[in-house]
Amino acid sequence: MTVSRHLGYHRVSDEALMIIAGCRPLRAVRGRHRIDRLLGELTTGDPQAVLSRWAHPDTPADQETP
C-alpha cells in the first residue's frame, strides 16, 4: 500500500519558509523574492505539485533568475 505524503509549509520569518511533509522539515526557502515566487505559484498551481517541485533540490524553481 502506498502512503500519500501531504506537503505543507511553515513561514518561519519574513526571510524564511520551511517546506514540510507532515511534521518533518524537507527544505528551507530563504529570501523574500524566492518566498514570494513560491507563494505566487501556490495560488495558481496545484499546491502539492508546486511544493514537491520546490522541495526537490535540483529543480529550476530553486535557482535564482537574473
Protein backbone atom coordinates (compact mmCIF):
# COMPACT_ATOMS: atom_id res chain seq x y z
CA MET A 1 0.00 0.00 0.00
CA THR A 2 1.29 3.47 -0.92
CA VAL A 3 1.03 6.18 1.69
CA SER A 4 0.31 9.63 0.33
CA ARG A 5 2.69 12.32 1.57
CA HIS A 6 0.95 15.64 2.13
CA LEU A 7 3.23 18.61 1.84
CA GLY A 8 2.77 21.96 3.51
CA TYR A 9 4.80 24.95 4.59
CA HIS A 10 5.53 26.95 7.69
CA ARG A 11 6.55 30.60 7.46
CA VAL A 12 9.43 30.93 9.91
CA SER A 13 10.04 34.66 9.34
CA ASP A 14 9.83 37.30 6.61
CA GLU A 15 13.03 35.83 5.15
CA ALA A 16 12.50 32.07 5.66
CA LEU A 17 9.88 29.45 4.87
CA MET A 18 10.11 25.71 5.60
CA ILE A 19 8.51 23.11 3.30
CA ILE A 20 7.31 20.21 5.43
CA ALA A 21 5.90 16.70 5.00
CA GLY A 22 3.66 16.03 7.96
CA CYS A 23 5.76 17.47 10.78
CA ARG A 24 9.12 16.72 9.15
CA PRO A 25 11.07 19.59 7.54
CA LEU A 26 12.14 18.94 3.95
CA ARG A 27 13.62 22.16 2.63
CA ALA A 28 14.18 25.75 3.64
CA VAL A 29 13.35 28.54 1.22
CA ARG A 30 15.20 31.74 2.06
CA GLY A 31 14.84 35.27 0.76
CA ARG A 32 11.73 37.36 0.21
CA HIS A 33 11.98 37.19 -3.58
CA ARG A 34 12.05 33.37 -3.59
CA ILE A 35 9.31 33.10 -0.96
CA ASP A 36 7.07 35.48 -2.91
CA ARG A 37 7.67 33.45 -6.07
CA LEU A 38 6.78 30.19 -4.28
CA LEU A 39 3.62 31.68 -2.73
CA GLY A 40 2.60 33.05 -6.14
CA GLU A 41 2.97 29.60 -7.71
CA LEU A 42 0.89 28.10 -4.88
CA THR A 43 -2.03 30.41 -5.71
CA THR A 44 -2.09 29.47 -9.40
CA GLY A 45 -0.97 25.83 -9.47
CA ASP A 46 -1.61 22.53 -7.74
CA PRO A 47 -0.20 23.11 -4.24
CA GLN A 48 1.12 19.55 -3.80
CA ALA A 49 2.88 19.62 -7.18
CA VAL A 50 4.35 23.07 -6.53
CA LEU A 51 5.64 22.17 -3.07
CA SER A 52 7.02 18.87 -4.35
CA ARG A 53 8.94 20.66 -7.10
CA TRP A 54 10.33 23.27 -4.70
CA ALA A 55 11.26 20.63 -2.12
CA HIS A 56 13.44 18.77 -4.63
CA PRO A 57 16.98 20.23 -4.53
CA ASP A 58 17.72 20.03 -8.27
CA THR A 59 14.72 21.85 -9.71
CA PRO A 60 14.90 25.10 -11.68
CA ALA A 61 12.50 26.63 -9.12
CA ASP A 62 15.35 26.55 -6.64
CA GLN A 63 17.65 28.50 -8.97
CA GLU A 64 17.79 32.26 -8.86
CA THR A 65 16.84 34.03 -12.09
CA PRO A 66 18.83 37.08 -13.17
